[in-house]
């Protein structure tokens, strides 16, 4: 083996190792971002369970919003979640940063528009179908106080599809959404 062929072989190994290292780091970054998103989703789900446990005994759902602002009900809910499985579920929520804001946010929730309404408003500005990622990016840009995970945005969009407020379009492997026009929703016409 000549020194030139050895140098060529070595440079190929170096180039391949550098490429593999770059790919490895890219995949690590993707996994780290996915773990962060999953932790945010876990905190959200824990908050939902906590709220569901708070209001499980109420038969009249129309009273729930006013009870969100009622301090004695919150105090009762804290006593209730301090035992058994409920305490285990809420302990993970207490350690999450969003759990601290859940109590304070409960009072402000009635003033803040629902995520579905915000997404429908964004979709209403376009005639062509939009990707969930594009909608999430635009939502974060226009509403910096809102930072839903991509999964929460997709779930919200799918719930709007189920309600007939928006329409889903599949193009190859992409799923896109458009707002259903009020007349089209009433008459049942489709694209």
N, C-alpha and C. Protein backbone atom coordinates (compact mmCIF):
# COMPACT_ATOMS: atom_id res chain seq x y z
N UNK A 1 0.85 -1.17 0.00
CA UNK A 1 0.00 0.00 0.00
C UNK A 1 0.89 1.24 0.00
N UNK A 2 0.64 2.12 -0.92
CA UNK A 2 1.45 3.32 -1.03
C UNK A 2 1.01 4.34 0.01
N UNK A 3 1.87 5.31 0.24
CA UNK A 3 1.53 6.34 1.22
C UNK A 3 0.37 7.20 0.73
N UNK A 4 0.25 7.36 -0.59
CA UNK A 4 -0.84 8.16 -1.14
C UNK A 4 -2.17 7.44 -0.93
N UNK A 5 -2.22 6.11 -1.18
CA UNK A 5 -3.46 5.37 -0.99
C UNK A 5 -3.82 5.29 0.50
N UNK A 6 -2.82 5.21 1.37
CA UNK A 6 -3.09 5.21 2.80
C UNK A 6 -3.67 6.55 3.24
N UNK A 7 -3.15 7.64 2.70
CA UNK A 7 -3.66 8.97 3.03
C UNK A 7 -5.09 9.13 2.52
N UNK A 8 -5.38 8.60 1.31
CA UNK A 8 -6.73 8.67 0.75
C UNK A 8 -7.70 7.88 1.63
N UNK A 9 -7.27 6.67 2.03
CA UNK A 9 -8.10 5.83 2.88
C UNK A 9 -8.35 6.52 4.22
N UNK A 10 -7.31 7.08 4.81
CA UNK A 10 -7.44 7.77 6.09
C UNK A 10 -8.39 8.97 5.96
N UNK A 11 -8.29 9.73 4.88
CA UNK A 11 -9.17 10.90 4.70
C UNK A 11 -10.62 10.46 4.52
N UNK A 12 -10.84 9.30 3.89
CA UNK A 12 -12.20 8.77 3.77
C UNK A 12 -12.76 8.39 5.15
N UNK A 13 -11.92 7.73 5.96
CA UNK A 13 -12.35 7.36 7.31
C UNK A 13 -12.67 8.60 8.15
N UNK A 14 -11.83 9.61 8.03
CA UNK A 14 -12.04 10.85 8.78
C UNK A 14 -13.33 11.52 8.33
N UNK A 15 -13.54 11.58 7.03
CA UNK A 15 -14.77 12.21 6.51
C UNK A 15 -16.00 11.44 6.96
N UNK A 16 -15.93 10.10 6.91
CA UNK A 16 -17.07 9.28 7.34
C UNK A 16 -17.32 9.44 8.84
N UNK A 17 -16.25 9.43 9.63
CA UNK A 17 -16.41 9.60 11.08
C UNK A 17 -17.00 10.98 11.41
N UNK A 18 -16.57 12.02 10.71
CA UNK A 18 -17.10 13.38 10.93
C UNK A 18 -18.58 13.43 10.57
N UNK A 19 -18.93 12.79 9.47
CA UNK A 19 -20.33 12.75 9.04
C UNK A 19 -21.18 11.98 10.06
N UNK A 20 -20.68 10.84 10.51
CA UNK A 20 -21.41 10.04 11.51
C UNK A 20 -21.56 10.81 12.81
N UNK A 21 -20.53 11.52 13.22
CA UNK A 21 -20.59 12.31 14.44
C UNK A 21 -21.64 13.41 14.33
N UNK A 22 -21.65 14.09 13.18
CA UNK A 22 -22.65 15.16 12.96
C UNK A 22 -24.06 14.59 13.00
N UNK A 23 -24.28 13.45 12.37
CA UNK A 23 -25.60 12.80 12.37
C UNK A 23 -25.99 12.38 13.79
N UNK A 24 -25.03 11.86 14.54
CA UNK A 24 -25.29 11.46 15.92
C UNK A 24 -25.73 12.64 16.76
N UNK A 25 -25.05 13.74 16.63
CA UNK A 25 -25.39 14.96 17.40
C UNK A 25 -26.76 15.50 16.98
N UNK A 26 -27.06 15.44 15.69
CA UNK A 26 -28.37 15.90 15.21
C UNK A 26 -29.47 15.05 15.82
N UNK A 27 -29.27 13.73 15.84
CA UNK A 27 -30.28 12.83 16.42
C UNK A 27 -30.41 13.04 17.93
N UNK A 28 -29.30 13.30 18.61
CA UNK A 28 -29.36 13.60 20.05
C UNK A 28 -30.19 14.86 20.30
N UNK A 29 -29.99 15.88 19.46
CA UNK A 29 -30.75 17.13 19.59
C UNK A 29 -32.24 16.89 19.38
N UNK A 30 -32.58 16.09 18.35
CA UNK A 30 -33.98 15.77 18.09
C UNK A 30 -34.60 15.06 19.29
N UNK A 31 -33.86 14.10 19.85
CA UNK A 31 -34.38 13.37 21.01
C UNK A 31 -34.53 14.28 22.23
N UNK A 32 -33.59 15.19 22.42
CA UNK A 32 -33.69 16.12 23.54
C UNK A 32 -34.93 17.01 23.39
N UNK A 33 -35.19 17.48 22.16
CA UNK A 33 -36.38 18.29 21.92
C UNK A 33 -37.64 17.49 22.13
N UNK A 34 -37.64 16.25 21.72
CA UNK A 34 -38.81 15.37 21.90
C UNK A 34 -39.05 15.12 23.39
N UNK A 35 -37.99 14.90 24.15
CA UNK A 35 -38.13 14.68 25.60
C UNK A 35 -38.71 15.93 26.25
N UNK A 36 -38.24 17.10 25.85
CA UNK A 36 -38.77 18.35 26.40
C UNK A 36 -40.26 18.47 26.09
N UNK A 37 -40.65 18.17 24.86
CA UNK A 37 -42.06 18.24 24.48
C UNK A 37 -42.88 17.23 25.27
N UNK A 38 -42.35 16.05 25.47
CA UNK A 38 -43.07 15.03 26.24
C UNK A 38 -43.24 15.45 27.70
N UNK A 39 -42.23 16.09 28.27
CA UNK A 39 -42.34 16.57 29.64
C UNK A 39 -43.40 17.66 29.75
N UNK A 40 -43.47 18.54 28.76
CA UNK A 40 -44.51 19.58 28.76
C UNK A 40 -45.89 18.94 28.64
N UNK A 41 -45.99 17.94 27.79
CA UNK A 41 -47.26 17.24 27.61
C UNK A 41 -47.65 16.52 28.90
N UNK A 42 -46.66 15.92 29.57
CA UNK A 42 -46.93 15.24 30.84
C UNK A 42 -47.47 16.23 31.87
N UNK A 43 -46.87 17.40 31.96
CA UNK A 43 -47.33 18.41 32.92
C UNK A 43 -48.74 18.85 32.59
N UNK A 44 -49.04 19.03 31.30
CA UNK A 44 -50.38 19.43 30.88
C UNK A 44 -51.39 18.35 31.26
N UNK A 45 -51.06 17.10 30.98
CA UNK A 45 -51.97 16.01 31.30
C UNK A 45 -52.18 15.88 32.81
N UNK A 46 -51.13 16.08 33.59
CA UNK A 46 -51.25 16.03 35.05
C UNK A 46 -52.17 17.15 35.53
N UNK A 47 -52.04 18.34 34.93
CA UNK A 47 -52.93 19.45 35.29
C UNK A 47 -54.38 19.13 34.93
N UNK A 48 -54.59 18.50 33.78
CA UNK A 48 -55.94 18.13 33.37
C UNK A 48 -56.53 17.13 34.36
N UNK A 49 -55.74 16.13 34.75
CA UNK A 49 -56.22 15.17 35.74
C UNK A 49 -56.55 15.85 37.06
N UNK A 50 -55.70 16.77 37.46
CA UNK A 50 -55.92 17.50 38.70
C UNK A 50 -57.24 18.28 38.64
N UNK A 51 -57.47 18.97 37.53
CA UNK A 51 -58.72 19.72 37.36
C UNK A 51 -59.91 18.78 37.32
N UNK A 52 -59.77 17.65 36.64
CA UNK A 52 -60.87 16.69 36.55
C UNK A 52 -61.23 16.15 37.94
N UNK A 53 -60.22 15.90 38.77
CA UNK A 53 -60.48 15.42 40.12
C UNK A 53 -61.17 16.48 40.96
N UNK A 54 -60.81 17.74 40.74
CA UNK A 54 -61.43 18.84 41.48
C UNK A 54 -62.92 18.92 41.25
N UNK A 55 -63.33 18.69 40.01
CA UNK A 55 -64.72 18.93 39.64
C UNK A 55 -65.50 17.67 39.34
N UNK A 56 -65.00 16.51 39.76
CA UNK A 56 -65.70 15.26 39.44
C UNK A 56 -67.04 15.14 40.14
N UNK A 57 -67.23 15.80 41.28
CA UNK A 57 -68.48 15.68 42.02
C UNK A 57 -69.56 16.64 41.58
N UNK A 58 -69.28 17.52 40.64
CA UNK A 58 -70.28 18.51 40.23
C UNK A 58 -71.11 17.97 39.07
N UNK A 59 -72.43 17.94 39.27
CA UNK A 59 -73.32 17.44 38.22
C UNK A 59 -73.65 18.53 37.21
N UNK A 60 -73.70 19.79 37.66
CA UNK A 60 -74.08 20.89 36.80
C UNK A 60 -72.82 21.51 36.19
N UNK A 61 -72.52 21.16 34.94
CA UNK A 61 -71.30 21.64 34.30
C UNK A 61 -71.33 23.15 34.06
N UNK A 62 -72.50 23.76 34.02
CA UNK A 62 -72.56 25.21 33.77
C UNK A 62 -72.01 26.01 34.93
N UNK A 63 -71.87 25.41 36.11
CA UNK A 63 -71.35 26.12 37.27
C UNK A 63 -69.83 26.10 37.33
N UNK A 64 -69.18 25.29 36.53
CA UNK A 64 -67.73 25.13 36.64
C UNK A 64 -66.94 26.41 36.46
N UNK A 65 -67.17 27.25 35.45
CA UNK A 65 -66.33 28.45 35.31
C UNK A 65 -66.36 29.37 36.52
N UNK A 66 -67.51 29.57 37.13
CA UNK A 66 -67.54 30.44 38.30
C UNK A 66 -66.82 29.80 39.48
N UNK A 67 -66.79 28.47 39.53
CA UNK A 67 -66.11 27.79 40.62
C UNK A 67 -64.60 27.84 40.45
N UNK A 68 -64.11 28.06 39.24
CA UNK A 68 -62.67 28.20 39.05
C UNK A 68 -62.13 29.37 39.85
N UNK A 69 -62.96 30.39 40.08
CA UNK A 69 -62.52 31.57 40.80
C UNK A 69 -62.87 31.50 42.28
N UNK A 70 -63.53 30.45 42.71
CA UNK A 70 -63.99 30.33 44.07
C UNK A 70 -62.91 29.69 44.94
N UNK A 71 -62.31 30.43 45.82
CA UNK A 71 -61.18 29.94 46.62
C UNK A 71 -61.53 28.75 47.52
N UNK A 72 -62.70 28.68 48.20
CA UNK A 72 -62.96 27.52 49.04
C UNK A 72 -62.97 26.21 48.26
N UNK A 73 -63.41 26.21 47.01
CA UNK A 73 -63.41 24.99 46.22
C UNK A 73 -61.98 24.54 45.95
N UNK A 74 -61.08 25.48 45.69
CA UNK A 74 -59.67 25.14 45.47
C UNK A 74 -59.08 24.54 46.74
N UNK A 75 -59.43 25.10 47.89
CA UNK A 75 -58.92 24.57 49.15
C UNK A 75 -59.41 23.15 49.37
N UNK A 76 -60.68 22.88 49.06
CA UNK A 76 -61.22 21.53 49.20
C UNK A 76 -60.51 20.57 48.26
N UNK A 77 -60.22 21.02 47.05
CA UNK A 77 -59.55 20.16 46.08
C UNK A 77 -58.16 19.77 46.55
N UNK A 78 -57.46 20.69 47.23
CA UNK A 78 -56.13 20.37 47.73
C UNK A 78 -56.20 19.27 48.77
N UNK A 79 -57.19 19.32 49.65
CA UNK A 79 -57.34 18.26 50.65
C UNK A 79 -57.65 16.94 49.97
N UNK A 80 -58.47 16.97 48.96
CA UNK A 80 -58.88 15.77 48.27
C UNK A 80 -57.70 15.09 47.57
N UNK A 81 -56.79 15.86 46.98
CA UNK A 81 -55.68 15.27 46.23
C UNK A 81 -54.52 14.85 47.12
N UNK A 82 -54.65 15.02 48.42
CA UNK A 82 -53.53 14.69 49.29
C UNK A 82 -53.50 13.22 49.68
N UNK A 83 -54.40 12.39 49.16
CA UNK A 83 -54.40 10.98 49.52
C UNK A 83 -54.31 10.10 48.29
N UNK A 84 -53.71 8.92 48.46
CA UNK A 84 -53.73 7.86 47.47
C UNK A 84 -53.13 8.20 46.12
N UNK A 85 -53.75 7.64 45.08
CA UNK A 85 -53.24 7.79 43.72
C UNK A 85 -53.30 9.24 43.25
N UNK A 86 -54.29 9.96 43.73
CA UNK A 86 -54.41 11.37 43.32
C UNK A 86 -53.18 12.15 43.77
N UNK A 87 -52.66 11.85 44.94
CA UNK A 87 -51.47 12.55 45.43
C UNK A 87 -50.26 12.21 44.56
N UNK A 88 -50.16 10.96 44.13
CA UNK A 88 -49.04 10.58 43.27
C UNK A 88 -49.11 11.30 41.94
N UNK A 89 -50.33 11.40 41.37
CA UNK A 89 -50.47 12.09 40.10
C UNK A 89 -50.20 13.57 40.25
N UNK A 90 -50.70 14.17 41.32
CA UNK A 90 -50.52 15.61 41.46
C UNK A 90 -49.10 15.97 41.90
N UNK A 91 -48.38 15.03 42.51
CA UNK A 91 -47.01 15.36 42.93
C UNK A 91 -46.12 15.61 41.72
N UNK A 92 -46.35 14.88 40.64
CA UNK A 92 -45.56 15.17 39.44
C UNK A 92 -45.97 16.50 38.85
N UNK A 93 -47.24 16.86 38.99
CA UNK A 93 -47.69 18.17 38.48
C UNK A 93 -47.12 19.30 39.32
N UNK A 94 -46.97 19.08 40.63
CA UNK A 94 -46.43 20.14 41.50
C UNK A 94 -44.99 20.43 41.17
N UNK A 95 -44.25 19.41 40.73
CA UNK A 95 -42.85 19.64 40.42
C UNK A 95 -42.67 20.30 39.06
N UNK A 96 -43.69 20.25 38.22
CA UNK A 96 -43.59 20.86 36.90
C UNK A 96 -43.81 22.36 36.98
N UNK A 97 -43.13 23.14 36.16
CA UNK A 97 -43.28 24.59 36.22
C UNK A 97 -44.70 25.05 35.88
N UNK A 98 -45.41 24.31 35.03
CA UNK A 98 -46.76 24.73 34.65
C UNK A 98 -47.75 24.53 35.78
N UNK A 99 -47.46 23.66 36.74
CA UNK A 99 -48.37 23.45 37.85
C UNK A 99 -48.46 24.68 38.73
N UNK A 100 -47.35 25.41 38.86
CA UNK A 100 -47.36 26.63 39.66
C UNK A 100 -48.29 27.66 39.05
N UNK A 101 -48.31 27.70 37.73
CA UNK A 101 -49.15 28.69 37.05
C UNK A 101 -50.58 28.20 36.87
N UNK A 102 -50.85 26.93 37.15
CA UNK A 102 -52.20 26.41 36.94
C UNK A 102 -53.21 27.10 37.84
N UNK A 103 -52.85 27.29 39.12
CA UNK A 103 -53.78 27.94 40.05
C UNK A 103 -53.98 29.40 39.65
N UNK A 104 -52.89 30.09 39.37
CA UNK A 104 -52.99 31.49 38.96
C UNK A 104 -53.66 31.59 37.60
N UNK A 105 -53.38 30.66 36.72
CA UNK A 105 -53.95 30.67 35.38
C UNK A 105 -55.42 30.33 35.37
N UNK A 106 -55.90 29.61 36.39
CA UNK A 106 -57.30 29.23 36.42
C UNK A 106 -58.18 30.47 36.47
N UNK A 107 -57.75 31.50 37.18
CA UNK A 107 -58.54 32.73 37.24
C UNK A 107 -58.50 33.46 35.90
N UNK A 108 -57.37 33.43 35.21
CA UNK A 108 -57.22 34.16 33.96
C UNK A 108 -57.71 33.39 32.74
N UNK A 109 -57.99 32.11 32.88
CA UNK A 109 -58.38 31.30 31.74
C UNK A 109 -59.65 31.83 31.08
N UNK A 110 -60.60 32.32 31.86
CA UNK A 110 -61.85 32.77 31.26
C UNK A 110 -61.62 33.99 30.38
N UNK A 111 -60.57 34.77 30.65
CA UNK A 111 -60.28 35.95 29.85
C UNK A 111 -59.45 35.61 28.62
N UNK A 112 -58.72 34.51 28.66
CA UNK A 112 -57.83 34.14 27.56
C UNK A 112 -58.61 33.32 26.53
N UNK A 113 -58.47 33.63 25.23
CA UNK A 113 -59.22 32.86 24.23
C UNK A 113 -58.75 31.41 24.19
N UNK A 114 -59.66 30.53 23.81
CA UNK A 114 -59.34 29.12 23.71
C UNK A 114 -58.38 28.88 22.54
N UNK A 115 -57.53 27.87 22.69
CA UNK A 115 -56.55 27.55 21.66
C UNK A 115 -57.25 27.24 20.34
N UNK A 116 -58.35 26.50 20.39
CA UNK A 116 -59.09 26.17 19.17
C UNK A 116 -59.58 27.41 18.45
N UNK A 117 -60.06 28.40 19.20
CA UNK A 117 -60.54 29.64 18.59
C UNK A 117 -59.38 30.40 17.94
N UNK A 118 -58.24 30.44 18.62
CA UNK A 118 -57.07 31.12 18.05
C UNK A 118 -56.62 30.45 16.75
N UNK A 119 -56.58 29.11 16.75
CA UNK A 119 -56.17 28.38 15.55
C UNK A 119 -57.16 28.58 14.42
N UNK A 120 -58.47 28.58 14.74
CA UNK A 120 -59.49 28.80 13.71
C UNK A 120 -59.35 30.21 13.13
N UNK A 121 -59.07 31.20 13.98
CA UNK A 121 -58.87 32.57 13.49
C UNK A 121 -57.67 32.64 12.54
N UNK A 122 -56.58 31.95 12.91
CA UNK A 122 -55.40 31.94 12.05
C UNK A 122 -55.72 31.28 10.71
N UNK A 123 -56.46 30.16 10.75
CA UNK A 123 -56.81 29.46 9.51
C UNK A 123 -57.71 30.32 8.63
N UNK A 124 -58.56 31.14 9.26
CA UNK A 124 -59.49 31.98 8.52
C UNK A 124 -58.79 33.03 7.67
N UNK A 125 -57.54 33.30 7.94
CA UNK A 125 -56.78 34.31 7.18
C UNK A 125 -56.22 33.76 5.87
N UNK A 126 -56.33 32.46 5.68
CA UNK A 126 -55.74 31.83 4.50
C UNK A 126 -56.81 31.07 3.73
N UNK A 127 -56.67 31.05 2.42
CA UNK A 127 -57.58 30.26 1.59
C UNK A 127 -56.97 28.88 1.29
N UNK A 128 -55.64 28.80 1.31
CA UNK A 128 -54.98 27.53 1.02
C UNK A 128 -54.78 26.75 2.33
N UNK A 129 -54.69 25.42 2.24
CA UNK A 129 -54.47 24.60 3.44
C UNK A 129 -53.15 24.94 4.12
N UNK A 130 -53.12 24.81 5.45
CA UNK A 130 -51.93 25.13 6.24
C UNK A 130 -51.53 23.91 7.07
N UNK A 131 -50.21 23.73 7.26
CA UNK A 131 -49.67 22.68 8.12
C UNK A 131 -49.84 23.07 9.59
N UNK A 132 -49.96 22.08 10.45
CA UNK A 132 -50.07 22.33 11.89
C UNK A 132 -48.83 23.07 12.39
N UNK A 133 -47.66 22.73 11.86
CA UNK A 133 -46.42 23.38 12.29
C UNK A 133 -46.45 24.87 11.95
N UNK A 134 -46.94 25.20 10.74
CA UNK A 134 -47.03 26.61 10.35
C UNK A 134 -47.99 27.37 11.27
N UNK A 135 -49.10 26.72 11.59
CA UNK A 135 -50.08 27.36 12.48
C UNK A 135 -49.49 27.57 13.87
N UNK A 136 -48.76 26.58 14.38
CA UNK A 136 -48.15 26.70 15.70
C UNK A 136 -47.13 27.83 15.72
N UNK A 137 -46.28 27.88 14.68
CA UNK A 137 -45.27 28.93 14.60
C UNK A 137 -45.92 30.31 14.57
N UNK A 138 -46.99 30.45 13.78
CA UNK A 138 -47.67 31.74 13.69
C UNK A 138 -48.36 32.08 15.00
N UNK A 139 -48.93 31.07 15.66
CA UNK A 139 -49.59 31.29 16.95
C UNK A 139 -48.59 31.81 17.99
N UNK A 140 -47.42 31.18 18.05
CA UNK A 140 -46.39 31.60 19.01
C UNK A 140 -45.90 33.00 18.69
N UNK A 141 -45.82 33.33 17.40
CA UNK A 141 -45.38 34.66 16.99
C UNK A 141 -46.41 35.73 17.39
N UNK A 142 -47.70 35.44 17.17
CA UNK A 142 -48.74 36.43 17.44
C UNK A 142 -49.17 36.44 18.90
N UNK A 143 -48.99 35.32 19.59
CA UNK A 143 -49.38 35.19 21.00
C UNK A 143 -48.20 34.61 21.78
N UNK A 144 -47.19 35.42 22.10
CA UNK A 144 -46.00 34.89 22.76
C UNK A 144 -46.28 34.30 24.15
N UNK A 145 -47.42 34.64 24.74
CA UNK A 145 -47.78 34.08 26.04
C UNK A 145 -48.27 32.64 25.91
N UNK A 146 -48.59 32.20 24.70
CA UNK A 146 -49.06 30.84 24.45
C UNK A 146 -47.92 30.06 23.80
N UNK A 147 -47.62 28.88 24.33
CA UNK A 147 -46.57 28.05 23.75
C UNK A 147 -46.98 26.58 23.81
N UNK A 148 -48.03 26.19 23.07
CA UNK A 148 -48.46 24.80 23.11
C UNK A 148 -47.47 23.90 22.37
N UNK A 149 -47.38 22.67 22.79
CA UNK A 149 -46.51 21.72 22.11
C UNK A 149 -47.11 21.41 20.74
N UNK A 150 -46.30 20.92 19.81
CA UNK A 150 -46.84 20.54 18.50
C UNK A 150 -47.97 19.52 18.62
N UNK A 151 -47.86 18.59 19.58
CA UNK A 151 -48.90 17.58 19.76
C UNK A 151 -50.20 18.21 20.23
N UNK A 152 -50.14 19.19 21.12
CA UNK A 152 -51.35 19.86 21.60
C UNK A 152 -52.02 20.59 20.44
N UNK A 153 -51.23 21.23 19.59
CA UNK A 153 -51.80 21.92 18.42
C UNK A 153 -52.49 20.92 17.51
N UNK A 154 -51.81 19.79 17.22
CA UNK A 154 -52.42 18.77 16.35
C UNK A 154 -53.71 18.22 16.96
N UNK A 155 -53.69 17.94 18.26
CA UNK A 155 -54.90 17.43 18.93
C UNK A 155 -56.04 18.44 18.86
N UNK A 156 -55.72 19.72 19.07
CA UNK A 156 -56.74 20.76 19.02
C UNK A 156 -57.31 20.86 17.61
N UNK A 157 -56.44 20.82 16.59
CA UNK A 157 -56.91 20.87 15.21
C UNK A 157 -57.80 19.67 14.89
N UNK A 158 -57.41 18.50 15.37
CA UNK A 158 -58.23 17.31 15.12
C UNK A 158 -59.59 17.40 15.83
N UNK A 159 -59.62 18.03 16.99
CA UNK A 159 -60.92 18.20 17.67
C UNK A 159 -61.80 19.18 16.89
N UNK A 160 -61.18 20.19 16.26
CA UNK A 160 -61.95 21.12 15.41
C UNK A 160 -62.45 20.41 14.15
N UNK A 161 -61.67 19.46 13.64
CA UNK A 161 -62.13 18.66 12.49
C UNK A 161 -63.35 17.84 12.92
N UNK A 162 -63.26 17.21 14.10
CA UNK A 162 -64.37 16.39 14.60
C UNK A 162 -65.63 17.23 14.80
N UNK A 163 -65.48 18.49 15.16
CA UNK A 163 -66.63 19.37 15.36
C UNK A 163 -67.14 19.97 14.05
N UNK A 164 -66.39 19.75 12.96
CA UNK A 164 -66.79 20.27 11.67
C UNK A 164 -66.43 21.72 11.44
N UNK A 165 -65.58 22.29 12.29
CA UNK A 165 -65.20 23.70 12.13
C UNK A 165 -64.07 23.88 11.12
N UNK A 166 -63.22 22.85 10.98
CA UNK A 166 -62.16 22.91 9.98
C UNK A 166 -62.14 21.59 9.21
N UNK A 167 -61.43 21.59 8.09
CA UNK A 167 -61.35 20.41 7.24
C UNK A 167 -59.89 19.97 7.14
N UNK A 168 -59.69 18.66 7.13
CA UNK A 168 -58.36 18.07 7.02
C UNK A 168 -58.10 17.70 5.56
N UNK A 169 -56.88 17.98 5.09
CA UNK A 169 -56.47 17.61 3.73
C UNK A 169 -55.17 16.83 3.84
N UNK A 170 -55.08 15.71 3.14
CA UNK A 170 -53.83 14.95 3.14
C UNK A 170 -53.18 15.12 1.77
N UNK A 171 -51.92 15.54 1.80
CA UNK A 171 -51.14 15.67 0.57
C UNK A 171 -49.86 14.87 0.78
N UNK A 172 -49.78 13.74 0.12
CA UNK A 172 -48.69 12.79 0.31
C UNK A 172 -48.64 12.41 1.79
N UNK A 173 -47.56 12.77 2.48
CA UNK A 173 -47.45 12.40 3.90
C UNK A 173 -47.79 13.56 4.82
N UNK A 174 -48.20 14.68 4.26
CA UNK A 174 -48.51 15.87 5.06
C UNK A 174 -50.01 15.97 5.30
N UNK A 175 -50.35 16.46 6.49
CA UNK A 175 -51.75 16.73 6.83
C UNK A 175 -51.87 18.24 6.95
N UNK A 176 -52.84 18.80 6.22
CA UNK A 176 -53.04 20.24 6.21
C UNK A 176 -54.49 20.54 6.58
N UNK A 177 -54.74 21.77 7.00
CA UNK A 177 -56.06 22.14 7.51
C UNK A 177 -56.53 23.44 6.85
N UNK A 178 -57.85 23.52 6.64
CA UNK A 178 -58.48 24.77 6.19
C UNK A 178 -59.73 25.00 7.02
N UNK A 179 -60.12 26.24 7.12
CA UNK A 179 -61.33 26.61 7.84
C UNK A 179 -62.53 26.28 6.97
N UNK A 180 -63.56 25.71 7.59
CA UNK A 180 -64.80 25.43 6.87
C UNK A 180 -65.61 26.72 6.85
N UNK A 181 -66.04 27.12 5.66
CA UNK A 181 -66.87 28.32 5.56
C UNK A 181 -68.22 28.03 6.19
N UNK A 182 -68.80 29.03 6.84
CA UNK A 182 -70.05 28.84 7.57
C UNK A 182 -71.14 28.28 6.68
N UNK A 183 -71.31 28.78 5.47
CA UNK A 183 -72.34 28.27 4.56
C UNK A 183 -72.06 26.84 4.14
N UNK A 184 -70.77 26.52 3.92
CA UNK A 184 -70.39 25.17 3.52
C UNK A 184 -70.62 24.17 4.65
N UNK A 185 -70.39 24.60 5.88
CA UNK A 185 -70.59 23.71 7.03
C UNK A 185 -72.07 23.41 7.20
N UNK A 186 -72.93 24.39 6.96
CA UNK A 186 -74.36 24.21 7.13
C UNK A 186 -74.95 23.33 6.04
N UNK A 187 -74.49 23.51 4.79
CA UNK A 187 -75.06 22.77 3.67
C UNK A 187 -74.43 21.39 3.49
N UNK A 188 -73.28 21.15 4.16
CA UNK A 188 -72.63 19.86 4.10
C UNK A 188 -71.83 19.64 2.83
N UNK A 189 -71.47 20.70 2.10
CA UNK A 189 -70.68 20.53 0.87
C UNK A 189 -69.24 20.25 1.23
N UNK A 190 -68.49 19.65 0.29
CA UNK A 190 -67.09 19.33 0.56
C UNK A 190 -66.23 19.69 -0.64
N UNK A 191 -64.88 19.71 -0.41
CA UNK A 191 -63.94 20.08 -1.48
C UNK A 191 -63.87 19.00 -2.52
